Amino acid sequence: EFLVMATTLMMIKSRMLLPVIARRGEGEDEEEAEWIDPRMELVRQ
């Protein structure tokens, strides 16, 4: 699970580097889309 968490952190780190527009789901308008922080699931855990 230490290695799994390392992979998760690297994935979150890479998503944080993406432009905000690239994090929205496909077909979502700029006004309707709600950006979800990639860290939130980890914070919840």
All heavy atoms as atom14 arrays in JSON, in Angstrom:
{
  "sequence": "EFLVMATTLMMIKSRMLLPVIARRGEGEDEEEAEWIDPRMELVRQ",
  "atom14_mask": [
    [1, 1, 1, 1, 1, 1, 1, 1, 1, 0, 0, 0, 0, 0],
    [1, 1, 1, 1, 1, 1, 1, 1, 1, 1, 1, 0, 0, 0],
    [1, 1, 1, 1, 1, 1, 1, 1, 0, 0, 0, 0, 0, 0],
    [1, 1, 1, 1, 1, 1, 1, 0, 0, 0, 0, 0, 0, 0],
    [1, 1, 1, 1, 1, 1, 1, 1, 0, 0, 0, 0, 0, 0],
    [1, 1, 1, 1, 1, 0, 0, 0, 0, 0, 0, 0, 0, 0],
    [1, 1, 1, 1, 1, 1, 1, 0, 0, 0, 0, 0, 0, 0],
    [1, 1, 1, 1, 1, 1, 1, 0, 0, 0, 0, 0, 0, 0],
    [1, 1, 1, 1, 1, 1, 1, 1, 0, 0, 0, 0, 0, 0],
    [1, 1, 1, 1, 1, 1, 1, 1, 0, 0, 0, 0, 0, 0],
    [1, 1, 1, 1, 1, 1, 1, 1, 0, 0, 0, 0, 0, 0],
    [1, 1, 1, 1, 1, 1, 1, 1, 0, 0, 0, 0, 0, 0],
    [1, 1, 1, 1, 1, 1, 1, 1, 1, 0, 0, 0, 0, 0],
    [1, 1, 1, 1, 1, 1, 0, 0, 0, 0, 0, 0, 0, 0],
    [1, 1, 1, 1, 1, 1, 1, 1, 1, 1, 1, 0, 0, 0],
    [1, 1, 1, 1, 1, 1, 1, 1, 0, 0, 0, 0, 0, 0],
    [1, 1, 1, 1, 1, 1, 1, 1, 0, 0, 0, 0, 0, 0],
    [1, 1, 1, 1, 1, 1, 1, 1, 0, 0, 0, 0, 0, 0],
    [1, 1, 1, 1, 1, 1, 1, 0, 0, 0, 0, 0, 0, 0],
    [1, 1, 1, 1, 1, 1, 1, 0, 0, 0, 0, 0, 0, 0],
    [1, 1, 1, 1, 1, 1, 1, 1, 0, 0, 0, 0, 0, 0],
    [1, 1, 1, 1, 1, 0, 0, 0, 0, 0, 0, 0, 0, 0],
    [1, 1, 1, 1, 1, 1, 1, 1, 1, 1, 1, 0, 0, 0],
    [1, 1, 1, 1, 1, 1, 1, 1, 1, 1, 1, 0, 0, 0],
    [1, 1, 1, 1, 0, 0, 0, 0, 0, 0, 0, 0, 0, 0],
    [1, 1, 1, 1, 1, 1, 1, 1, 1, 0, 0, 0, 0, 0],
    [1, 1, 1, 1, 0, 0, 0, 0, 0, 0, 0, 0, 0, 0],
    [1, 1, 1, 1, 1, 1, 1, 1, 1, 0, 0, 0, 0, 0],
    [1, 1, 1, 1, 1, 1, 1, 1, 0, 0, 0, 0, 0, 0],
    [1, 1, 1, 1, 1, 1, 1, 1, 1, 0, 0, 0, 0, 0],
    [1, 1, 1, 1, 1, 1, 1, 1, 1, 0, 0, 0, 0, 0],
    [1, 1, 1, 1, 1, 1, 1, 1, 1, 0, 0, 0, 0, 0],
    [1, 1, 1, 1, 1, 0, 0, 0, 0, 0, 0, 0, 0, 0],
    [1, 1, 1, 1, 1, 1, 1, 1, 1, 0, 0, 0, 0, 0],
    [1, 1, 1, 1, 1, 1, 1, 1, 1, 1, 1, 1, 1, 1],
    [1, 1, 1, 1, 1, 1, 1, 1, 0, 0, 0, 0, 0, 0],
    [1, 1, 1, 1, 1, 1, 1, 1, 0, 0, 0, 0, 0, 0],
    [1, 1, 1, 1, 1, 1, 1, 0, 0, 0, 0, 0, 0, 0],
    [1, 1, 1, 1, 1, 1, 1, 1, 1, 1, 1, 0, 0, 0],
    [1, 1, 1, 1, 1, 1, 1, 1, 0, 0, 0, 0, 0, 0],
    [1, 1, 1, 1, 1, 1, 1, 1, 1, 0, 0, 0, 0, 0],
    [1, 1, 1, 1, 1, 1, 1, 1, 0, 0, 0, 0, 0, 0],
    [1, 1, 1, 1, 1, 1, 1, 0, 0, 0, 0, 0, 0, 0],
    [1, 1, 1, 1, 1, 1, 1, 1, 1, 1, 1, 0, 0, 0],
    [1, 1, 1, 1, 1, 1, 1, 1, 1, 0, 0, 0, 0, 0]
  ],
  "atom14_positions": [
    [[0.81, -1.21, 0.0], [0.0, 0.0, 0.0], [0.85, 1.27, 0.0], [0.39, 2.33, -0.4], [-0.97, 0.02, 1.19], [-0.32, -0.08, 2.55], [-0.39, -1.49, 3.12], [-0.43, -2.44, 2.34], [-0.41, -1.6, 4.36], [0.0, 0.0, 0.0], [0.0, 0.0, 0.0], [0.0, 0.0, 0.0], [0.0, 0.0, 0.0], [0.0, 0.0, 0.0]],
    [[2.11, 1.18, 0.45], [2.99, 2.34, 0.37], [3.26, 2.71, -1.08], [3.3, 3.88, -1.44], [4.32, 2.04, 1.08], [4.28, 2.25, 2.57], [3.93, 1.22, 3.42], [4.59, 3.47, 3.12], [3.89, 1.4, 4.78], [4.55, 3.68, 4.49], [4.19, 2.64, 5.32], [0.0, 0.0, 0.0], [0.0, 0.0, 0.0], [0.0, 0.0, 0.0]],
    [[3.48, 1.69, -1.92], [3.74, 1.93, -3.34], [2.48, 2.42, -4.04], [2.55, 3.25, -4.95], [4.27, 0.66, -3.98], [5.52, 0.06, -3.32], [5.95, -1.22, -4.02], [6.66, 1.07, -3.32], [0.0, 0.0, 0.0], [0.0, 0.0, 0.0], [0.0, 0.0, 0.0], [0.0, 0.0, 0.0], [0.0, 0.0, 0.0], [0.0, 0.0, 0.0]],
    [[1.31, 1.88, -3.63], [0.04, 2.35, -4.21], [-0.16, 3.83, -3.9], [-0.56, 4.61, -4.76], [-1.13, 1.51, -3.69], [-2.46, 2.1, -4.15], [-1.02, 0.07, -4.17], [0.0, 0.0, 0.0], [0.0, 0.0, 0.0], [0.0, 0.0, 0.0], [0.0, 0.0, 0.0], [0.0, 0.0, 0.0], [0.0, 0.0, 0.0], [0.0, 0.0, 0.0]],
    [[0.13, 4.22, -2.65], [-0.03, 5.62, -2.27], [0.96, 6.5, -3.03], [0.61, 7.63, -3.42], [0.18, 5.79, -0.76], [0.04, 7.23, -0.27], [-1.58, 7.95, -0.64], [-2.61, 7.05, 0.53], [0.0, 0.0, 0.0], [0.0, 0.0, 0.0], [0.0, 0.0, 0.0], [0.0, 0.0, 0.0], [0.0, 0.0, 0.0], [0.0, 0.0, 0.0]],
    [[2.16, 6.01, -3.27], [3.13, 6.78, -4.04], [2.6, 7.04, -5.44], [2.72, 8.16, -5.98], [4.46, 6.03, -4.11], [0.0, 0.0, 0.0], [0.0, 0.0, 0.0], [0.0, 0.0, 0.0], [0.0, 0.0, 0.0], [0.0, 0.0, 0.0], [0.0, 0.0, 0.0], [0.0, 0.0, 0.0], [0.0, 0.0, 0.0], [0.0, 0.0, 0.0]],
    [[1.99, 6.02, -6.05], [1.39, 6.19, -7.38], [0.25, 7.2, -7.35], [0.11, 8.04, -8.24], [0.88, 4.84, -7.9], [1.94, 3.89, -7.89], [0.32, 4.96, -9.29], [0.0, 0.0, 0.0], [0.0, 0.0, 0.0], [0.0, 0.0, 0.0], [0.0, 0.0, 0.0], [0.0, 0.0, 0.0], [0.0, 0.0, 0.0], [0.0, 0.0, 0.0]],
    [[-0.57, 7.12, -6.3], [-1.69, 8.06, -6.15], [-1.19, 9.5, -6.03], [-1.75, 10.42, -6.66], [-2.53, 7.7, -4.92], [-3.01, 6.36, -5.05], [-3.71, 8.64, -4.76], [0.0, 0.0, 0.0], [0.0, 0.0, 0.0], [0.0, 0.0, 0.0], [0.0, 0.0, 0.0], [0.0, 0.0, 0.0], [0.0, 0.0, 0.0], [0.0, 0.0, 0.0]],
    [[-0.15, 9.71, -5.25], [0.39, 11.05, -5.08], [0.95, 11.58, -6.4], [0.76, 12.76, -6.73], [1.49, 11.04, -4.01], [1.03, 10.85, -2.57], [2.22, 10.68, -1.64], [0.17, 12.02, -2.1], [0.0, 0.0, 0.0], [0.0, 0.0, 0.0], [0.0, 0.0, 0.0], [0.0, 0.0, 0.0], [0.0, 0.0, 0.0], [0.0, 0.0, 0.0]],
    [[1.62, 10.73, -7.14], [2.17, 11.16, -8.43], [1.05, 11.52, -9.41], [1.16, 12.49, -10.18], [3.04, 10.06, -9.01], [4.29, 9.74, -8.2], [5.42, 11.14, -8.06], [6.03, 11.24, -9.74], [0.0, 0.0, 0.0], [0.0, 0.0, 0.0], [0.0, 0.0, 0.0], [0.0, 0.0, 0.0], [0.0, 0.0, 0.0], [0.0, 0.0, 0.0]],
    [[-0.04, 10.75, -9.36], [-1.17, 11.04, -10.24], [-1.82, 12.37, -9.87], [-2.14, 13.19, -10.75], [-2.21, 9.91, -10.16], [-3.4, 10.1, -11.09], [-4.67, 8.85, -10.84], [-5.26, 9.3, -9.2], [0.0, 0.0, 0.0], [0.0, 0.0, 0.0], [0.0, 0.0, 0.0], [0.0, 0.0, 0.0], [0.0, 0.0, 0.0], [0.0, 0.0, 0.0]],
    [[-2.02, 12.6, -8.57], [-2.61, 13.87, -8.13], [-1.69, 15.03, -8.51], [-2.15, 16.08, -8.97], [-2.85, 13.84, -6.6], [-3.9, 12.78, -6.25], [-3.28, 15.21, -6.1], [-4.09, 12.6, -4.76], [0.0, 0.0, 0.0], [0.0, 0.0, 0.0], [0.0, 0.0, 0.0], [0.0, 0.0, 0.0], [0.0, 0.0, 0.0], [0.0, 0.0, 0.0]],
    [[-0.4, 14.83, -8.32], [0.57, 15.88, -8.67], [0.49, 16.23, -10.15], [0.49, 17.42, -10.53], [1.98, 15.41, -8.31], [3.07, 16.4, -8.66], [4.43, 15.84, -8.32], [5.54, 16.77, -8.81], [6.89, 16.21, -8.53], [0.0, 0.0, 0.0], [0.0, 0.0, 0.0], [0.0, 0.0, 0.0], [0.0, 0.0, 0.0], [0.0, 0.0, 0.0]],
    [[0.39, 15.21, -11.0], [0.31, 15.46, -12.45], [-0.99, 16.17, -12.82], [-1.01, 17.05, -13.68], [0.44, 14.15, -13.22], [-0.64, 13.28, -12.92], [0.0, 0.0, 0.0], [0.0, 0.0, 0.0], [0.0, 0.0, 0.0], [0.0, 0.0, 0.0], [0.0, 0.0, 0.0], [0.0, 0.0, 0.0], [0.0, 0.0, 0.0], [0.0, 0.0, 0.0]],
    [[-2.1, 15.82, -12.16], [-3.38, 16.46, -12.45], [-3.37, 17.91, -11.99], [-4.02, 18.77, -12.61], [-4.52, 15.7, -11.77], [-4.79, 14.32, -12.36], [-6.05, 13.73, -11.79], [-7.21, 14.53, -12.15], [-8.43, 14.36, -11.62], [-8.62, 13.42, -10.71], [-9.43, 15.12, -11.99], [0.0, 0.0, 0.0], [0.0, 0.0, 0.0], [0.0, 0.0, 0.0]],
    [[-2.65, 18.19, -10.91], [-2.57, 19.58, -10.43], [-1.79, 20.46, -11.4], [-1.97, 21.68, -11.42], [-1.88, 19.62, -9.05], [-2.68, 18.97, -7.93], [-4.16, 19.91, -7.46], [-3.44, 21.38, -6.76], [0.0, 0.0, 0.0], [0.0, 0.0, 0.0], [0.0, 0.0, 0.0], [0.0, 0.0, 0.0], [0.0, 0.0, 0.0], [0.0, 0.0, 0.0]],
    [[-0.93, 19.84, -12.22], [-0.14, 20.61, -13.17], [-0.9, 20.91, -14.45], [-0.48, 21.76, -15.24], [1.15, 19.84, -13.52], [2.14, 19.64, -12.36], [3.29, 18.76, -12.8], [2.65, 20.98, -11.85], [0.0, 0.0, 0.0], [0.0, 0.0, 0.0], [0.0, 0.0, 0.0], [0.0, 0.0, 0.0], [0.0, 0.0, 0.0], [0.0, 0.0, 0.0]],
    [[-2.02, 20.21, -14.67], [-2.8, 20.43, -15.88], [-3.53, 21.77, -15.82], [-3.9, 22.23, -14.74], [-3.82, 19.31, -16.07], [-3.26, 17.91, -16.39], [-4.4, 16.9, -16.39], [-2.54, 17.92, -17.72], [0.0, 0.0, 0.0], [0.0, 0.0, 0.0], [0.0, 0.0, 0.0], [0.0, 0.0, 0.0], [0.0, 0.0, 0.0], [0.0, 0.0, 0.0]],
    [[-3.77, 22.41, -16.97], [-4.6, 23.62, -16.98], [-6.0, 23.31, -16.46], [-6.5, 22.2, -16.62], [-4.63, 24.02, -18.46], [-3.48, 23.31, -19.08], [-3.27, 22.05, -18.3], [0.0, 0.0, 0.0], [0.0, 0.0, 0.0], [0.0, 0.0, 0.0], [0.0, 0.0, 0.0], [0.0, 0.0, 0.0], [0.0, 0.0, 0.0], [0.0, 0.0, 0.0]],
    [[-6.62, 24.3, -15.85], [-7.95, 24.1, -15.27], [-8.94, 23.61, -16.31], [-9.76, 22.74, -16.06], [-8.46, 25.41, -14.63], [-9.89, 25.24, -14.15], [-7.55, 25.82, -13.48], [0.0, 0.0, 0.0], [0.0, 0.0, 0.0], [0.0, 0.0, 0.0], [0.0, 0.0, 0.0], [0.0, 0.0, 0.0], [0.0, 0.0, 0.0], [0.0, 0.0, 0.0]],
    [[-8.85, 24.14, -17.53], [-9.81, 23.76, -18.56], [-9.69, 22.29, -18.93], [-10.66, 21.65, -19.34], [-9.64, 24.65, -19.81], [-10.8, 24.45, -20.77], [-8.31, 24.34, -20.51], [-10.8, 25.44, -21.93], [0.0, 0.0, 0.0], [0.0, 0.0, 0.0], [0.0, 0.0, 0.0], [0.0, 0.0, 0.0], [0.0, 0.0, 0.0], [0.0, 0.0, 0.0]],
    [[-8.49, 21.73, -18.78], [-8.28, 20.33, -19.13], [-8.81, 19.39, -18.06], [-8.94, 18.19, -18.28], [-6.79, 20.07, -19.35], [0.0, 0.0, 0.0], [0.0, 0.0, 0.0], [0.0, 0.0, 0.0], [0.0, 0.0, 0.0], [0.0, 0.0, 0.0], [0.0, 0.0, 0.0], [0.0, 0.0, 0.0], [0.0, 0.0, 0.0], [0.0, 0.0, 0.0]],
    [[-9.14, 19.91, -16.88], [-9.63, 19.06, -15.79], [-11.14, 18.88, -15.83], [-11.7, 18.1, -15.09], [-9.22, 19.66, -14.44], [-7.72, 19.87, -14.28], [-7.43, 20.51, -12.94], [-6.07, 21.07, -12.91], [-5.62, 21.84, -11.92], [-6.41, 22.14, -10.91], [-4.4, 22.32, -11.96], [0.0, 0.0, 0.0], [0.0, 0.0, 0.0], [0.0, 0.0, 0.0]],
    [[-11.81, 19.67, -16.67], [-13.26, 19.56, -16.73], [-13.64, 18.33, -17.54], [-12.88, 17.84, -18.38], [-13.87, 20.79, -17.39], [-13.57, 22.09, -16.66], [-14.51, 23.17, -17.16], [-14.12, 24.46, -16.6], [-13.43, 25.37, -17.25], [-13.03, 25.13, -18.47], [-13.12, 26.52, -16.68], [0.0, 0.0, 0.0], [0.0, 0.0, 0.0], [0.0, 0.0, 0.0]],
    [[-14.81, 17.82, -17.3], [-15.29, 16.68, -18.06], [-15.64, 17.08, -19.48], [-15.84, 18.26, -19.79], [0.0, 0.0, 0.0], [0.0, 0.0, 0.0], [0.0, 0.0, 0.0], [0.0, 0.0, 0.0], [0.0, 0.0, 0.0], [0.0, 0.0, 0.0], [0.0, 0.0, 0.0], [0.0, 0.0, 0.0], [0.0, 0.0, 0.0], [0.0, 0.0, 0.0]],
    [[-15.72, 16.1, -20.34], [-16.03, 16.37, -21.75], [-17.47, 16.9, -21.86], [-18.39, 16.4, -21.22], [-15.87, 15.1, -22.57], [-14.44, 14.61, -22.65], [-14.31, 13.4, -23.55], [-15.34, 13.03, -24.17], [-13.22, 12.83, -23.61], [0.0, 0.0, 0.0], [0.0, 0.0, 0.0], [0.0, 0.0, 0.0], [0.0, 0.0, 0.0], [0.0, 0.0, 0.0]],
    [[-17.66, 17.91, -22.72], [-18.99, 18.43, -22.97], [-19.48, 19.42, -21.94], [-20.61, 19.9, -22.03], [0.0, 0.0, 0.0], [0.0, 0.0, 0.0], [0.0, 0.0, 0.0], [0.0, 0.0, 0.0], [0.0, 0.0, 0.0], [0.0, 0.0, 0.0], [0.0, 0.0, 0.0], [0.0, 0.0, 0.0], [0.0, 0.0, 0.0], [0.0, 0.0, 0.0]],
    [[-18.67, 19.73, -20.93], [-19.09, 20.67, -19.89], [-18.76, 22.1, -20.32], [-17.66, 22.38, -20.79], [-18.41, 20.36, -18.56], [-18.85, 19.05, -17.92], [-18.15, 18.83, -16.59], [-17.02, 19.29, -16.44], [-18.76, 18.19, -15.72], [0.0, 0.0, 0.0], [0.0, 0.0, 0.0], [0.0, 0.0, 0.0], [0.0, 0.0, 0.0], [0.0, 0.0, 0.0]],
    [[-19.72, 22.98, -20.14], [-19.49, 24.38, -20.43], [-18.68, 25.02, -19.32], [-18.69, 24.56, -18.17], [-20.82, 25.13, -20.58], [-21.61, 24.63, -21.8], [-20.95, 24.18, -22.76], [-22.85, 24.69, -21.74], [0.0, 0.0, 0.0], [0.0, 0.0, 0.0], [0.0, 0.0, 0.0], [0.0, 0.0, 0.0], [0.0, 0.0, 0.0], [0.0, 0.0, 0.0]],
    [[-18.03, 26.12, -19.66], [-17.2, 26.78, -18.67], [-18.01, 27.28, -17.5], [-17.57, 27.23, -16.35], [-16.47, 27.95, -19.34], [-15.5, 28.67, -18.41], [-14.72, 29.75, -19.12], [-14.8, 29.82, -20.36], [-14.05, 30.53, -18.41], [0.0, 0.0, 0.0], [0.0, 0.0, 0.0], [0.0, 0.0, 0.0], [0.0, 0.0, 0.0], [0.0, 0.0, 0.0]],
    [[-19.25, 27.74, -17.76], [-20.07, 28.28, -16.67], [-20.69, 27.16, -15.84], [-20.89, 27.3, -14.64], [-21.16, 29.18, -17.24], [-20.62, 30.41, -17.97], [-21.75, 31.27, -18.52], [-22.92, 30.84, -18.39], [-21.47, 32.34, -19.07], [0.0, 0.0, 0.0], [0.0, 0.0, 0.0], [0.0, 0.0, 0.0], [0.0, 0.0, 0.0], [0.0, 0.0, 0.0]],
    [[-21.04, 26.04, -16.49], [-21.72, 24.95, -15.78], [-20.74, 24.04, -15.06], [-21.09, 23.41, -14.07], [-22.56, 24.13, -16.76], [-23.66, 24.93, -17.44], [-24.4, 24.1, -18.46], [-23.97, 22.95, -18.69], [-25.39, 24.6, -19.01], [0.0, 0.0, 0.0], [0.0, 0.0, 0.0], [0.0, 0.0, 0.0], [0.0, 0.0, 0.0], [0.0, 0.0, 0.0]],
    [[-19.55, 23.94, -15.6], [-18.59, 22.99, -15.04], [-18.14, 23.45, -13.65], [-17.94, 24.62, -13.39], [-17.39, 22.86, -15.96], [0.0, 0.0, 0.0], [0.0, 0.0, 0.0], [0.0, 0.0, 0.0], [0.0, 0.0, 0.0], [0.0, 0.0, 0.0], [0.0, 0.0, 0.0], [0.0, 0.0, 0.0], [0.0, 0.0, 0.0], [0.0, 0.0, 0.0]],
    [[-18.02, 22.46, -12.78], [-17.51, 22.73, -11.44], [-16.21, 21.97, -11.26], [-16.17, 20.75, -11.32], [-18.53, 22.28, -10.39], [-18.06, 22.54, -8.96], [-19.06, 22.05, -7.93], [-20.16, 21.61, -8.35], [-18.75, 22.09, -6.73], [0.0, 0.0, 0.0], [0.0, 0.0, 0.0], [0.0, 0.0, 0.0], [0.0, 0.0, 0.0], [0.0, 0.0, 0.0]],
    [[-15.15, 22.73, -11.1], [-13.85, 22.09, -10.97], [-13.75, 21.34, -9.65], [-14.07, 21.87, -8.6], [-12.74, 23.13, -11.08], [-11.38, 22.54, -10.82], [-10.73, 21.63, -11.58], [-10.53, 22.81, -9.71], [-9.52, 21.31, -11.03], [-9.38, 22.03, -9.86], [-10.64, 23.64, -8.59], [-8.32, 22.05, -8.96], [-9.6, 23.66, -7.69], [-8.45, 22.87, -7.88]],
    [[-13.3, 20.1, -9.71], [-13.12, 19.27, -8.52], [-11.63, 19.15, -8.25], [-10.86, 18.7, -9.1], [-13.74, 17.88, -8.71], [-15.24, 17.99, -8.96], [-13.48, 17.02, -7.49], [-15.92, 16.67, -9.23], [0.0, 0.0, 0.0], [0.0, 0.0, 0.0], [0.0, 0.0, 0.0], [0.0, 0.0, 0.0], [0.0, 0.0, 0.0], [0.0, 0.0, 0.0]],
    [[-11.24, 19.57, -7.07], [-9.84, 19.52, -6.68], [-9.37, 18.06, -6.67], [-9.97, 17.22, -5.98], [-9.67, 20.13, -5.29], [-8.22, 20.39, -4.95], [-7.35, 19.6, -5.36], [-7.94, 21.39, -4.25], [0.0, 0.0, 0.0], [0.0, 0.0, 0.0], [0.0, 0.0, 0.0], [0.0, 0.0, 0.0], [0.0, 0.0, 0.0], [0.0, 0.0, 0.0]],
    [[-8.3, 17.71, -7.38], [-7.82, 16.31, -7.41], [-7.4, 15.8, -6.04], [-7.3, 14.59, -5.84], [-6.61, 16.37, -8.36], [-6.8, 17.61, -9.16], [-7.52, 18.57, -8.28], [0.0, 0.0, 0.0], [0.0, 0.0, 0.0], [0.0, 0.0, 0.0], [0.0, 0.0, 0.0], [0.0, 0.0, 0.0], [0.0, 0.0, 0.0], [0.0, 0.0, 0.0]],
    [[-7.16, 16.71, -5.09], [-6.71, 16.3, -3.77], [-7.85, 15.91, -2.84], [-7.61, 15.33, -1.76], [-5.92, 17.44, -3.11], [-4.69, 17.88, -3.88], [-4.11, 19.16, -3.31], [-5.04, 20.28, -3.45], [-4.8, 21.5, -3.03], [-3.65, 21.78, -2.44], [-5.69, 22.47, -3.2], [0.0, 0.0, 0.0], [0.0, 0.0, 0.0], [0.0, 0.0, 0.0]],
    [[-9.1, 16.23, -3.21], [-10.21, 16.09, -2.29], [-10.44, 14.65, -1.82], [-10.75, 14.41, -0.66], [-11.5, 16.63, -2.92], [-11.62, 18.14, -2.88], [-11.58, 18.81, -1.17], [-9.87, 19.36, -1.05], [0.0, 0.0, 0.0], [0.0, 0.0, 0.0], [0.0, 0.0, 0.0], [0.0, 0.0, 0.0], [0.0, 0.0, 0.0], [0.0, 0.0, 0.0]],
    [[-10.29, 13.67, -2.69], [-10.49, 12.28, -2.29], [-9.43, 11.86, -1.27], [-9.73, 11.18, -0.28], [-10.44, 11.36, -3.52], [-10.58, 9.87, -3.21], [-11.9, 9.53, -2.52], [-12.88, 10.3, -2.68], [-11.95, 8.51, -1.8], [0.0, 0.0, 0.0], [0.0, 0.0, 0.0], [0.0, 0.0, 0.0], [0.0, 0.0, 0.0], [0.0, 0.0, 0.0]],
    [[-8.2, 12.29, -1.5], [-7.14, 11.99, -0.53], [-7.39, 12.7, 0.79], [-7.2, 12.11, 1.87], [-5.78, 12.42, -1.1], [-4.57, 12.21, -0.19], [-4.39, 10.74, 0.15], [-3.31, 12.77, -0.84], [0.0, 0.0, 0.0], [0.0, 0.0, 0.0], [0.0, 0.0, 0.0], [0.0, 0.0, 0.0], [0.0, 0.0, 0.0], [0.0, 0.0, 0.0]],
    [[-7.84, 13.96, 0.74], [-8.15, 14.7, 1.96], [-9.26, 14.0, 2.74], [-9.2, 13.87, 3.96], [-8.55, 16.15, 1.62], [-9.15, 16.85, 2.85], [-7.36, 16.93, 1.11], [0.0, 0.0, 0.0], [0.0, 0.0, 0.0], [0.0, 0.0, 0.0], [0.0, 0.0, 0.0], [0.0, 0.0, 0.0], [0.0, 0.0, 0.0], [0.0, 0.0, 0.0]],
    [[-10.28, 13.52, 2.01], [-11.39, 12.82, 2.67], [-10.88, 11.57, 3.4], [-11.26, 11.3, 4.53], [-12.44, 12.42, 1.64], [-13.7, 11.8, 2.24], [-14.56, 11.17, 1.18], [-13.87, 10.08, 0.5], [-13.74, 8.86, 1.04], [-14.23, 8.59, 2.23], [-13.11, 7.92, 0.36], [0.0, 0.0, 0.0], [0.0, 0.0, 0.0], [0.0, 0.0, 0.0]],
    [[-10.0, 10.81, 2.74], [-9.45, 9.61, 3.36], [-8.62, 9.96, 4.6], [-8.72, 9.29, 5.63], [-8.57, 8.87, 2.36], [-9.32, 8.26, 1.19], [-8.38, 7.53, 0.25], [-7.45, 6.86, 0.67], [-8.61, 7.67, -1.04], [0.0, 0.0, 0.0], [0.0, 0.0, 0.0], [0.0, 0.0, 0.0], [0.0, 0.0, 0.0], [0.0, 0.0, 0.0]]
  ]
}
